[in-house]
Amino acid sequence: MTKREILTSIIEGNYIESEIQAYAKHEIELLDKKAARSKKESKITEEVLQACLMEITTNGVTIKEIIASNEIFKGYSSQKMVPILKKLIDRGEIEKYYEKRIAMFKLVG
């Protein structure tokens, strides 16, 4: 049965309890799969974090400048750099600020 058929039968009151239970179990399995998929380990290594940290100055740099400054980031996009920078921000090593609506990153302190 489809979701629409299950929900319609619940509304109308003419449902078979075993089908509803089977549907509910299947939906719980799908939720468990989705939760397991979202908890994958990060592939961010300490080497990448340190390389990124070395490229950030006290004056501030953009993501594009960080990518262009080191060969380890060859093939990285801005979207791939965001989790790396977020991890450094969470560790309190860098901070993010905006200059003319452009995200900039600088060392803390």
PDB file of N, CA and C in Angstrom:
ATOM      1  N   MET A   1       0.838  -1.189   0.000  1.00  0.00           N
ATOM      2  CA  MET A   1       0.000   0.000   0.000  1.00  0.00           C
ATOM      3  C   MET A   1       0.879   1.247   0.000  1.00  0.00           C
ATOM      4  N   THR A   2       0.373   2.289  -0.625  1.00  0.00           N
ATOM      5  CA  THR A   2       1.104   3.553  -0.665  1.00  0.00           C
ATOM      6  C   THR A   2       0.785   4.367   0.583  1.00  0.00           C
ATOM      7  N   LYS A   3       1.562   5.405   0.807  1.00  0.00           N
ATOM      8  CA  LYS A   3       1.297   6.290   1.939  1.00  0.00           C
ATOM      9  C   LYS A   3      -0.105   6.879   1.843  1.00  0.00           C
ATOM     10  N   ARG A   4      -0.477   7.298   0.638  1.00  0.00           N
ATOM     11  CA  ARG A   4      -1.806   7.896   0.437  1.00  0.00           C
ATOM     12  C   ARG A   4      -2.915   6.905   0.814  1.00  0.00           C
ATOM     13  N   GLU A   5      -2.765   5.655   0.390  1.00  0.00           N
ATOM     14  CA  GLU A   5      -3.783   4.646   0.703  1.00  0.00           C
ATOM     15  C   GLU A   5      -3.856   4.382   2.209  1.00  0.00           C
ATOM     16  N   ILE A   6      -2.709   4.319   2.852  1.00  0.00           N
ATOM     17  CA  ILE A   6      -2.686   4.100   4.307  1.00  0.00           C
ATOM     18  C   ILE A   6      -3.368   5.244   5.029  1.00  0.00           C
ATOM     19  N   LEU A   7      -2.994   6.474   4.687  1.00  0.00           N
ATOM     20  CA  LEU A   7      -3.563   7.640   5.375  1.00  0.00           C
ATOM     21  C   LEU A   7      -5.054   7.780   5.097  1.00  0.00           C
ATOM     22  N   THR A   8      -5.469   7.501   3.875  1.00  0.00           N
ATOM     23  CA  THR A   8      -6.889   7.573   3.533  1.00  0.00           C
ATOM     24  C   THR A   8      -7.680   6.533   4.327  1.00  0.00           C
ATOM     25  N   SER A   9      -7.146   5.331   4.435  1.00  0.00           N
ATOM     26  CA  SER A   9      -7.853   4.294   5.179  1.00  0.00           C
ATOM     27  C   SER A   9      -7.937   4.626   6.668  1.00  0.00           C
ATOM     28  N   ILE A  10      -6.925   5.296   7.215  1.00  0.00           N
ATOM     29  CA  ILE A  10      -6.974   5.715   8.621  1.00  0.00           C
ATOM     30  C   ILE A  10      -8.064   6.757   8.804  1.00  0.00           C
ATOM     31  N   ILE A  11      -8.135   7.722   7.901  1.00  0.00           N
ATOM     32  CA  ILE A  11      -9.145   8.786   7.981  1.00  0.00           C
ATOM     33  C   ILE A  11     -10.551   8.204   7.883  1.00  0.00           C
ATOM     34  N   GLU A  12     -10.743   7.301   6.950  1.00  0.00           N
ATOM     35  CA  GLU A  12     -12.070   6.728   6.722  1.00  0.00           C
ATOM     36  C   GLU A  12     -12.442   5.686   7.779  1.00  0.00           C
ATOM     37  N   GLY A  13     -11.478   5.214   8.524  1.00  0.00           N
ATOM     38  CA  GLY A  13     -11.759   4.263   9.583  1.00  0.00           C
ATOM     39  C   GLY A  13     -11.855   2.825   9.119  1.00  0.00           C
ATOM     40  N   ASN A  14     -11.597   2.554   7.861  1.00  0.00           N
ATOM     41  CA  ASN A  14     -11.663   1.170   7.385  1.00  0.00           C
ATOM     42  C   ASN A  14     -10.258   0.676   7.054  1.00  0.00           C
ATOM     43  N   TYR A  15      -9.499   0.430   8.096  1.00  0.00           N
ATOM     44  CA  TYR A  15      -8.128  -0.007   7.900  1.00  0.00           C
ATOM     45  C   TYR A  15      -7.908  -1.373   8.533  1.00  0.00           C
ATOM     46  N   ILE A  16      -6.885  -2.022   8.038  1.00  0.00           N
ATOM     47  CA  ILE A  16      -6.499  -3.322   8.589  1.00  0.00           C
ATOM     48  C   ILE A  16      -5.288  -3.074   9.470  1.00  0.00           C
ATOM     49  N   GLU A  17      -5.408  -3.453  10.716  1.00  0.00           N
ATOM     50  CA  GLU A  17      -4.384  -3.132  11.706  1.00  0.00           C
ATOM     51  C   GLU A  17      -3.006  -3.674  11.334  1.00  0.00           C
ATOM     52  N   SER A  18      -2.936  -4.851  10.763  1.00  0.00           N
ATOM     53  CA  SER A  18      -1.635  -5.437  10.412  1.00  0.00           C
ATOM     54  C   SER A  18      -0.942  -4.630   9.316  1.00  0.00           C
ATOM     55  N   GLU A  19      -1.717  -4.087   8.374  1.00  0.00           N
ATOM     56  CA  GLU A  19      -1.118  -3.267   7.316  1.00  0.00           C
ATOM     57  C   GLU A  19      -0.575  -1.963   7.885  1.00  0.00           C
ATOM     58  N   ILE A  20      -1.289  -1.386   8.831  1.00  0.00           N
ATOM     59  CA  ILE A  20      -0.830  -0.147   9.467  1.00  0.00           C
ATOM     60  C   ILE A  20       0.461  -0.415  10.248  1.00  0.00           C
ATOM     61  N   GLN A  21       0.519  -1.522  10.956  1.00  0.00           N
ATOM     62  CA  GLN A  21       1.728  -1.864  11.711  1.00  0.00           C
ATOM     63  C   GLN A  21       2.906  -2.107  10.780  1.00  0.00           C
ATOM     64  N   ALA A  22       2.678  -2.805   9.683  1.00  0.00           N
ATOM     65  CA  ALA A  22       3.753  -3.060   8.718  1.00  0.00           C
ATOM     66  C   ALA A  22       4.247  -1.751   8.119  1.00  0.00           C
ATOM     67  N   TYR A  23       3.312  -0.857   7.818  1.00  0.00           N
ATOM     68  CA  TYR A  23       3.669   0.454   7.274  1.00  0.00           C
ATOM     69  C   TYR A  23       4.510   1.239   8.285  1.00  0.00           C
ATOM     70  N   ALA A  24       4.082   1.247   9.536  1.00  0.00           N
ATOM     71  CA  ALA A  24       4.798   1.993  10.578  1.00  0.00           C
ATOM     72  C   ALA A  24       6.209   1.427  10.771  1.00  0.00           C
ATOM     73  N   LYS A  25       6.351   0.115  10.775  1.00  0.00           N
ATOM     74  CA  LYS A  25       7.680  -0.506  10.922  1.00  0.00           C
ATOM     75  C   LYS A  25       8.594  -0.118   9.763  1.00  0.00           C
ATOM     76  N   HIS A  26       8.035  -0.113   8.552  1.00  0.00           N
ATOM     77  CA  HIS A  26       8.822   0.255   7.377  1.00  0.00           C
ATOM     78  C   HIS A  26       9.286   1.715   7.467  1.00  0.00           C
ATOM     79  N   GLU A  27       8.406   2.596   7.886  1.00  0.00           N
ATOM     80  CA  GLU A  27       8.767   4.017   8.014  1.00  0.00           C
ATOM     81  C   GLU A  27       9.844   4.213   9.077  1.00  0.00           C
ATOM     82  N   ILE A  28       9.778   3.460  10.172  1.00  0.00           N
ATOM     83  CA  ILE A  28      10.799   3.548  11.218  1.00  0.00           C
ATOM     84  C   ILE A  28      12.143   3.064  10.684  1.00  0.00           C
ATOM     85  N   GLU A  29      12.137   2.009   9.887  1.00  0.00           N
ATOM     86  CA  GLU A  29      13.378   1.533   9.270  1.00  0.00           C
ATOM     87  C   GLU A  29      13.996   2.598   8.372  1.00  0.00           C
ATOM     88  N   LEU A  30      13.143   3.286   7.600  1.00  0.00           N
ATOM     89  CA  LEU A  30      13.641   4.353   6.730  1.00  0.00           C
ATOM     90  C   LEU A  30      14.243   5.493   7.537  1.00  0.00           C
ATOM     91  N   LEU A  31      13.609   5.843   8.650  1.00  0.00           N
ATOM     92  CA  LEU A  31      14.138   6.900   9.517  1.00  0.00           C
ATOM     93  C   LEU A  31      15.482   6.488  10.125  1.00  0.00           C
ATOM     94  N   ASP A  32      15.595   5.221  10.515  1.00  0.00           N
ATOM     95  CA  ASP A  32      16.856   4.728  11.075  1.00  0.00           C
ATOM     96  C   ASP A  32      17.974   4.776  10.043  1.00  0.00           C
ATOM     97  N   LYS A  33      17.670   4.403   8.794  1.00  0.00           N
ATOM     98  CA  LYS A  33      18.669   4.464   7.725  1.00  0.00           C
ATOM     99  C   LYS A  33      19.129   5.900   7.503  1.00  0.00           C
ATOM    100  N   LYS A  34      18.171   6.823   7.496  1.00  0.00           N
ATOM    101  CA  LYS A  34      18.497   8.232   7.274  1.00  0.00           C
ATOM    102  C   LYS A  34      19.367   8.760   8.411  1.00  0.00           C
ATOM    103  N   ALA A  35      19.054   8.396   9.647  1.00  0.00           N
ATOM    104  CA  ALA A  35      19.834   8.848  10.801  1.00  0.00           C
ATOM    105  C   ALA A  35      21.246   8.275  10.750  1.00  0.00           C
ATOM    106  N   ALA A  36      21.385   7.030  10.361  1.00  0.00           N
ATOM    107  CA  ALA A  36      22.711   6.408  10.285  1.00  0.00           C
ATOM    108  C   ALA A  36      23.553   7.048   9.192  1.00  0.00           C
ATOM    109  N   ARG A  37      22.919   7.423   8.105  1.00  0.00           N
ATOM    110  CA  ARG A  37      23.631   8.039   6.990  1.00  0.00           C
ATOM    111  C   ARG A  37      24.154   9.416   7.366  1.00  0.00           C
ATOM    112  N   SER A  38      23.417  10.159   8.194  1.00  0.00           N
ATOM    113  CA  SER A  38      23.830  11.521   8.535  1.00  0.00           C
ATOM    114  C   SER A  38      24.920  11.564   9.594  1.00  0.00           C
ATOM    115  N   LYS A  39      25.232  10.424  10.229  1.00  0.00           N
ATOM    116  CA  LYS A  39      26.243  10.407  11.281  1.00  0.00           C
ATOM    117  C   LYS A  39      27.572   9.850  10.804  1.00  0.00           C
ATOM    118  N   LYS A  40      27.842   9.952   9.512  1.00  0.00           N
ATOM    119  CA  LYS A  40      29.109   9.450   8.979  1.00  0.00           C
ATOM    120  C   LYS A  40      30.264  10.265   9.563  1.00  0.00           C
ATOM    121  N   GLU A  41      31.375   9.610   9.710  1.00  0.00           N
ATOM    122  CA  GLU A  41      32.564  10.275  10.216  1.00  0.00           C
ATOM    123  C   GLU A  41      33.077  11.291   9.207  1.00  0.00           C
ATOM    124  N   SER A  42      33.553  12.366   9.711  1.00  0.00           N
ATOM    125  CA  SER A  42      34.108  13.413   8.871  1.00  0.00           C
ATOM    126  C   SER A  42      35.452  12.960   8.306  1.00  0.00           C
ATOM    127  N   LYS A  43      35.716  13.338   7.073  1.00  0.00           N
ATOM    128  CA  LYS A  43      36.985  12.987   6.435  1.00  0.00           C
ATOM    129  C   LYS A  43      38.014  14.097   6.589  1.00  0.00           C
ATOM    130  N   ILE A  44      37.763  15.005   7.491  1.00  0.00           N
ATOM    131  CA  ILE A  44      38.679  16.116   7.721  1.00  0.00           C
ATOM    132  C   ILE A  44      39.818  15.620   8.611  1.00  0.00           C
ATOM    133  N   THR A  45      41.011  15.638   8.076  1.00  0.00           N
ATOM    134  CA  THR A  45      42.167  15.176   8.839  1.00  0.00           C
ATOM    135  C   THR A  45      42.843  16.348   9.540  1.00  0.00           C
ATOM    136  N   GLU A  46      43.638  16.018  10.518  1.00  0.00           N
ATOM    137  CA  GLU A  46      44.379  17.045  11.245  1.00  0.00           C
ATOM    138  C   GLU A  46      45.367  17.759  10.320  1.00  0.00           C
ATOM    139  N   GLU A  47      45.888  17.032   9.334  1.00  0.00           N
ATOM    140  CA  GLU A  47      46.822  17.620   8.364  1.00  0.00           C
ATOM    141  C   GLU A  47      46.148  18.740   7.569  1.00  0.00           C
ATOM    142  N   VAL A  48      44.906  18.489   7.139  1.00  0.00           N
ATOM    143  CA  VAL A  48      44.162  19.495   6.383  1.00  0.00           C
ATOM    144  C   VAL A  48      43.847  20.689   7.270  1.00  0.00           C
ATOM    145  N   LEU A  49      43.467  20.441   8.516  1.00  0.00           N
ATOM    146  CA  LEU A  49      43.177  21.533   9.445  1.00  0.00           C
ATOM    147  C   LEU A  49      44.410  22.402   9.677  1.00  0.00           C
ATOM    148  N   GLN A  50      45.551  21.761   9.881  1.00  0.00           N
ATOM    149  CA  GLN A  50      46.776  22.526  10.119  1.00  0.00           C
ATOM    150  C   GLN A  50      47.211  23.305   8.880  1.00  0.00           C
ATOM    151  N   ALA A  51      47.051  22.713   7.701  1.00  0.00           N
ATOM    152  CA  ALA A  51      47.387  23.418   6.461  1.00  0.00           C
ATOM    153  C   ALA A  51      46.502  24.646   6.296  1.00  0.00           C
ATOM    154  N   CYS A  52      45.240  24.491   6.612  1.00  0.00           N
ATOM    155  CA  CYS A  52      44.310  25.621   6.514  1.00  0.00           C
ATOM    156  C   CYS A  52      44.685  26.702   7.523  1.00  0.00           C
ATOM    157  N   LEU A  53      45.004  26.292   8.725  1.00  0.00           N
ATOM    158  CA  LEU A  53      45.375  27.230   9.779  1.00  0.00           C
ATOM    159  C   LEU A  53      46.634  28.009   9.420  1.00  0.00           C
ATOM    160  N   MET A  54      47.580  27.358   8.734  1.00  0.00           N
ATOM    161  CA  MET A  54      48.820  28.027   8.341  1.00  0.00           C
ATOM    162  C   MET A  54      48.580  29.119   7.302  1.00  0.00           C
ATOM    163  N   GLU A  55      47.525  28.989   6.515  1.00  0.00           N
ATOM    164  CA  GLU A  55      47.255  29.953   5.454  1.00  0.00           C
ATOM    165  C   GLU A  55      46.458  31.166   5.932  1.00  0.00           C
ATOM    166  N   ILE A  56      45.863  31.060   7.101  1.00  0.00           N
ATOM    167  CA  ILE A  56      45.053  32.166   7.616  1.00  0.00           C
ATOM    168  C   ILE A  56      45.952  33.116   8.387  1.00  0.00           C
ATOM    169  N   THR A  57      45.851  34.387   8.059  1.00  0.00           N
ATOM    170  CA  THR A  57      46.680  35.398   8.702  1.00  0.00           C
ATOM    171  C   THR A  57      45.866  36.176   9.726  1.00  0.00           C
ATOM    172  N   THR A  58      46.536  37.055  10.436  1.00  0.00           N
ATOM    173  CA  THR A  58      45.824  37.889  11.408  1.00  0.00           C
ATOM    174  C   THR A  58      45.035  38.989  10.713  1.00  0.00           C
ATOM    175  N   ASN A  59      45.380  39.298   9.452  1.00  0.00           N
ATOM    176  CA  ASN A  59      44.655  40.332   8.706  1.00  0.00           C
ATOM    177  C   ASN A  59      43.359  39.808   8.112  1.00  0.00           C
ATOM    178  N   GLY A  60      43.272  38.514   7.890  1.00  0.00           N
ATOM    179  CA  GLY A  60      42.071  37.909   7.336  1.00  0.00           C
ATOM    180  C   GLY A  60      42.226  37.550   5.873  1.00  0.00           C
ATOM    181  N   VAL A  61      41.616  36.434   5.491  1.00  0.00           N
ATOM    182  CA  VAL A  61      41.641  35.953   4.120  1.00  0.00           C
ATOM    183  C   VAL A  61      40.273  35.382   3.767  1.00  0.00           C
ATOM    184  N   THR A  62      40.028  35.266   2.469  1.00  0.00           N
ATOM    185  CA  THR A  62      38.781  34.664   1.999  1.00  0.00           C
ATOM    186  C   THR A  62      39.002  33.171   1.758  1.00  0.00           C
ATOM    187  N   ILE A  63      37.927  32.454   1.541  1.00  0.00           N
ATOM    188  CA  ILE A  63      38.025  31.020   1.256  1.00  0.00           C
ATOM    189  C   ILE A  63      38.807  30.793  -0.037  1.00  0.00           C
ATOM    190  N   LYS A  64      38.554  31.602  -1.044  1.00  0.00           N
ATOM    191  CA  LYS A  64      39.257  31.448  -2.325  1.00  0.00           C
ATOM    192  C   LYS A  64      40.758  31.635  -2.161  1.00  0.00           C
ATOM    193  N   GLU A  65      41.160  32.570  -1.315  1.00  0.00           N
ATOM    194  CA  GLU A  65      42.588  32.800  -1.075  1.00  0.00           C
ATOM    195  C   GLU A  65      43.229  31.604  -0.363  1.00  0.00           C
ATOM    196  N   ILE A  66      42.480  30.994   0.552  1.00  0.00           N
ATOM    197  CA  ILE A  66      42.994  29.822   1.261  1.00  0.00           C
ATOM    198  C   ILE A  66      43.197  28.669   0.274  1.00  0.00           C
ATOM    199  N   ILE A  67      42.212  28.444  -0.586  1.00  0.00           N
ATOM    200  CA  ILE A  67      42.290  27.358  -1.564  1.00  0.00           C
ATOM    201  C   ILE A  67      43.474  27.558  -2.511  1.00  0.00           C
ATOM    202  N   ALA A  68      43.679  28.795  -2.955  1.00  0.00           N
ATOM    203  CA  ALA A  68      44.743  29.081  -3.918  1.00  0.00           C
ATOM    204  C   ALA A  68      46.134  29.048  -3.288  1.00  0.00           C
ATOM    205  N   SER A  69      46.227  29.154  -1.975  1.00  0.00           N
ATOM    206  CA  SER A  69      47.524  29.306  -1.330  1.00  0.00           C
ATOM    207  C   SER A  69      48.270  28.005  -1.053  1.00  0.00           C
ATOM    208  N   ASN A  70      47.602  26.855  -1.123  1.00  0.00           N
ATOM    209  CA  ASN A  70      48.268  25.615  -0.754  1.00  0.00           C
ATOM    210  C   ASN A  70      47.831  24.494  -1.688  1.00  0.00           C
ATOM    211  N   GLU A  71      48.775  23.679  -2.111  1.00  0.00           N
ATOM    212  CA  GLU A  71      48.496  22.566  -3.025  1.00  0.00           C
ATOM    213  C   GLU A  71      47.601  21.497  -2.410  1.00  0.00           C
ATOM    214  N   ILE A  72      47.598  21.402  -1.078  1.00  0.00           N
ATOM    215  CA  ILE A  72      46.765  20.389  -0.430  1.00  0.00           C
ATOM    216  C   ILE A  72      45.279  20.617  -0.706  1.00  0.00           C
ATOM    217  N   PHE A  73      44.910  21.846  -1.036  1.00  0.00           N
ATOM    218  CA  PHE A  73      43.513  22.189  -1.301  1.00  0.00           C
ATOM    219  C   PHE A  73      43.165  22.150  -2.790  1.00  0.00           C
ATOM    220  N   LYS A  74      44.052  21.600  -3.605  1.00  0.00           N
ATOM    221  CA  LYS A  74      43.789  21.506  -5.038  1.00  0.00           C
ATOM    222  C   LYS A  74      42.540  20.639  -5.255  1.00  0.00           C
ATOM    223  N   GLY A  75      41.589  21.166  -5.981  1.00  0.00           N
ATOM    224  CA  GLY A  75      40.342  20.454  -6.233  1.00  0.00           C
ATOM    225  C   GLY A  75      39.256  20.743  -5.203  1.00  0.00           C
ATOM    226  N   TYR A  76      39.577  21.491  -4.157  1.00  0.00           N
ATOM    227  CA  TYR A  76      38.584  21.834  -3.148  1.00  0.00           C
ATOM    228  C   TYR A  76      37.712  22.976  -3.667  1.00  0.00           C
ATOM    229  N   SER A  77      36.446  22.944  -3.309  1.00  0.00           N
ATOM    230  CA  SER A  77      35.533  24.044  -3.620  1.00  0.00           C
ATOM    231  C   SER A  77      35.258  24.804  -2.325  1.00  0.00           C
ATOM    232  N   SER A  78      34.592  25.920  -2.457  1.00  0.00           N
ATOM    233  CA  SER A  78      34.220  26.687  -1.262  1.00  0.00           C
ATOM    234  C   SER A  78      33.336  25.850  -0.344  1.00  0.00           C
ATOM    235  N   GLN A  79      32.437  25.070  -0.942  1.00  0.00           N
ATOM    236  CA  GLN A  79      31.538  24.240  -0.147  1.00  0.00           C
ATOM    237  C   GLN A  79      32.297  23.177   0.645  1.00  0.00           C
ATOM    238  N   LYS A  80      33.385  22.686   0.100  1.00  0.00           N
ATOM    239  CA  LYS A  80      34.170  21.673   0.784  1.00  0.00           C
ATOM    240  C   LYS A  80      35.037  22.291   1.886  1.00  0.00           C
ATOM    241  N   MET A  81      35.351  23.570   1.761  1.00  0.00           N
ATOM    242  CA  MET A  81      36.174  24.246   2.759  1.00  0.00           C
ATOM    243  C   MET A  81      35.363  24.678   3.986  1.00  0.00           C
ATOM    244  N   VAL A  82      34.070  24.887   3.814  1.00  0.00           N
ATOM    245  CA  VAL A  82      33.245  25.386   4.915  1.00  0.00           C
ATOM    246  C   VAL A  82      33.312  24.482   6.147  1.00  0.00           C
ATOM    247  N   PRO A  83      33.167  23.151   6.034  1.00  0.00           N
ATOM    248  CA  PRO A  83      33.261  22.325   7.247  1.00  0.00           C
ATOM    249  C   PRO A  83      34.633  22.380   7.916  1.00  0.00           C
ATOM    250  N   ILE A  84      35.673  22.523   7.119  1.00  0.00           N
ATOM    251  CA  ILE A  84      37.025  22.633   7.671  1.00  0.00           C
ATOM    252  C   ILE A  84      37.142  23.906   8.491  1.00  0.00           C
ATOM    253  N   LEU A  85      36.682  25.006   7.916  1.00  0.00           N
ATOM    254  CA  LEU A  85      36.749  26.291   8.609  1.00  0.00           C
ATOM    255  C   LEU A  85      35.836  26.295   9.839  1.00  0.00           C
ATOM    256  N   LYS A  86      34.688  25.671   9.734  1.00  0.00           N
ATOM    257  CA  LYS A  86      33.768  25.601  10.873  1.00  0.00           C
ATOM    258  C   LYS A  86      34.402  24.853  12.032  1.00  0.00           C
ATOM    259  N   LYS A  87      35.121  23.783  11.721  1.00  0.00           N
ATOM    260  CA  LYS A  87      35.801  23.016  12.769  1.00  0.00           C
ATOM    261  C   LYS A  87      36.851  23.876  13.470  1.00  0.00           C
ATOM    262  N   LEU A  88      37.582  24.673  12.700  1.00  0.00           N
ATOM    263  CA  LEU A  88      38.586  25.570  13.296  1.00  0.00           C
ATOM    264  C   LEU A  88      37.927  26.668  14.124  1.00  0.00           C
ATOM    265  N   ILE A  89      36.779  27.150  13.675  1.00  0.00           N
ATOM    266  CA  ILE A  89      36.038  28.162  14.433  1.00  0.00           C
ATOM    267  C   ILE A  89      35.553  27.554  15.748  1.00  0.00           C
ATOM    268  N   ASP A  90      35.003  26.346  15.694  1.00  0.00           N
ATOM    269  CA  ASP A  90      34.512  25.676  16.898  1.00  0.00           C
ATOM    270  C   ASP A  90      35.633  25.410  17.900  1.00  0.00           C
ATOM    271  N   ARG A  91      36.832  25.173  17.406  1.00  0.00           N
ATOM    272  CA  ARG A  91      37.982  24.948  18.285  1.00  0.00           C
ATOM    273  C   ARG A  91      38.524  26.263  18.847  1.00  0.00           C
ATOM    274  N   GLY A  92      38.020  27.391  18.348  1.00  0.00           N
ATOM    275  CA  GLY A  92      38.444  28.692  18.853  1.00  0.00           C
ATOM    276  C   GLY A  92      39.762  29.180  18.287  1.00  0.00           C
ATOM    277  N   GLU A  93      40.194  28.629  17.160  1.00  0.00           N
ATOM    278  CA  GLU A  93      41.478  29.011  16.583  1.00  0.00           C
ATOM    279  C   GLU A  93      41.353  30.147  15.579  1.00  0.00           C
ATOM    280  N   ILE A  94      40.218  30.226  14.909  1.00  0.00           N
ATOM    281  CA  ILE A  94      39.991  31.320  13.956  1.00  0.00           C
ATOM    282  C   ILE A  94      38.622  31.918  14.207  1.00  0.00           C
ATOM    283  N   GLU A  95      38.394  33.063  13.608  1.00  0.00           N
ATOM    284  CA  GLU A  95      37.071  33.679  13.693  1.00  0.00           C
ATOM    285  C   GLU A  95      36.648  34.159  12.315  1.00  0.00           C
ATOM    286  N   LYS A  96      35.350  34.226  12.137  1.00  0.00           N
ATOM    287  CA  LYS A  96      34.777  34.637  10.861  1.00  0.00           C
ATOM    288  C   LYS A  96      34.179  36.029  11.030  1.00  0.00           C
ATOM    289  N   TYR A  97      34.411  36.867  10.038  1.00  0.00           N
ATOM    290  CA  TYR A  97      33.802  38.194  10.025  1.00  0.00           C
ATOM    291  C   TYR A  97      33.519  38.562   8.578  1.00  0.00           C
ATOM    292  N   TYR A  98      32.759  39.612   8.391  1.00  0.00           N
ATOM    293  CA  TYR A  98      32.384  40.032   7.037  1.00  0.00           C
ATOM    294  C   TYR A  98      32.958  41.404   6.734  1.00  0.00           C
ATOM    295  N   GLU A  99      33.509  41.516   5.532  1.00  0.00           N
ATOM    296  CA  GLU A  99      34.038  42.784   5.057  1.00  0.00           C
ATOM    297  C   GLU A  99      33.429  43.029   3.679  1.00  0.00           C
ATOM    298  N   LYS A 100      32.599  44.042   3.573  1.00  0.00           N
ATOM    299  CA  LYS A 100      31.877  44.343   2.333  1.00  0.00           C
ATOM    300  C   LYS A 100      31.106  43.119   1.842  1.00  0.00           C
ATOM    301  N   ARG A 101      30.403  42.472   2.742  1.00  0.00           N
ATOM    302  CA  ARG A 101      29.557  41.299   2.484  1.00  0.00           C
ATOM    303  C   ARG A 101      30.333  40.076   2.006  1.00  0.00           C
ATOM    304  N   ILE A 102      31.621  40.035   2.248  1.00  0.00           N
ATOM    305  CA  ILE A 102      32.458  38.896   1.895  1.00  0.00           C
ATOM    306  C   ILE A 102      32.954  38.253   3.185  1.00  0.00           C
ATOM    307  N   ALA A 103      32.776  36.942   3.305  1.00  0.00           N
ATOM    308  CA  ALA A 103      33.231  36.234   4.515  1.00  0.00           C
ATOM    309  C   ALA A 103      34.751  36.205   4.546  1.00  0.00           C
ATOM    310  N   MET A 104      35.295  36.613   5.669  1.00  0.00           N
ATOM    311  CA  MET A 104      36.730  36.641   5.879  1.00  0.00           C
ATOM    312  C   MET A 104      37.044  35.826   7.135  1.00  0.00           C
ATOM    313  N   PHE A 105      38.248  35.261   7.175  1.00  0.00           N
ATOM    314  CA  PHE A 105      38.654  34.456   8.303  1.00  0.00           C
ATOM    315  C   PHE A 105      40.006  34.953   8.783  1.00  0.00           C
ATOM    316  N   LYS A 106      40.143  35.071  10.116  1.00  0.00           N
ATOM    317  CA  LYS A 106      41.421  35.505  10.684  1.00  0.00           C
ATOM    318  C   LYS A 106      41.702  34.735  11.951  1.00  0.00           C
ATOM    319  N   LEU A 107      42.964  34.743  12.347  1.00  0.00           N
ATOM    320  CA  LEU A 107      43.367  34.064  13.568  1.00  0.00           C
ATOM    321  C   LEU A 107      42.801  34.793  14.774  1.00  0.00           C
ATOM    322  N   VAL A 108      42.465  34.044  15.799  1.00  0.00           N
ATOM    323  CA  VAL A 108      41.964  34.642  17.031  1.00  0.00           C
ATOM    324  C   VAL A 108      43.140  35.194  17.818  1.00  0.00           C
ATOM    325  N   GLY A 109      42.936  36.377  18.333  1.00  0.00           N
ATOM    326  CA  GLY A 109      43.962  36.946  19.203  1.00  0.00           C
ATOM    327  C   GLY A 109      44.845  37.871  18.576  1.00  0.00           C
TER     328      GLY A 109
END
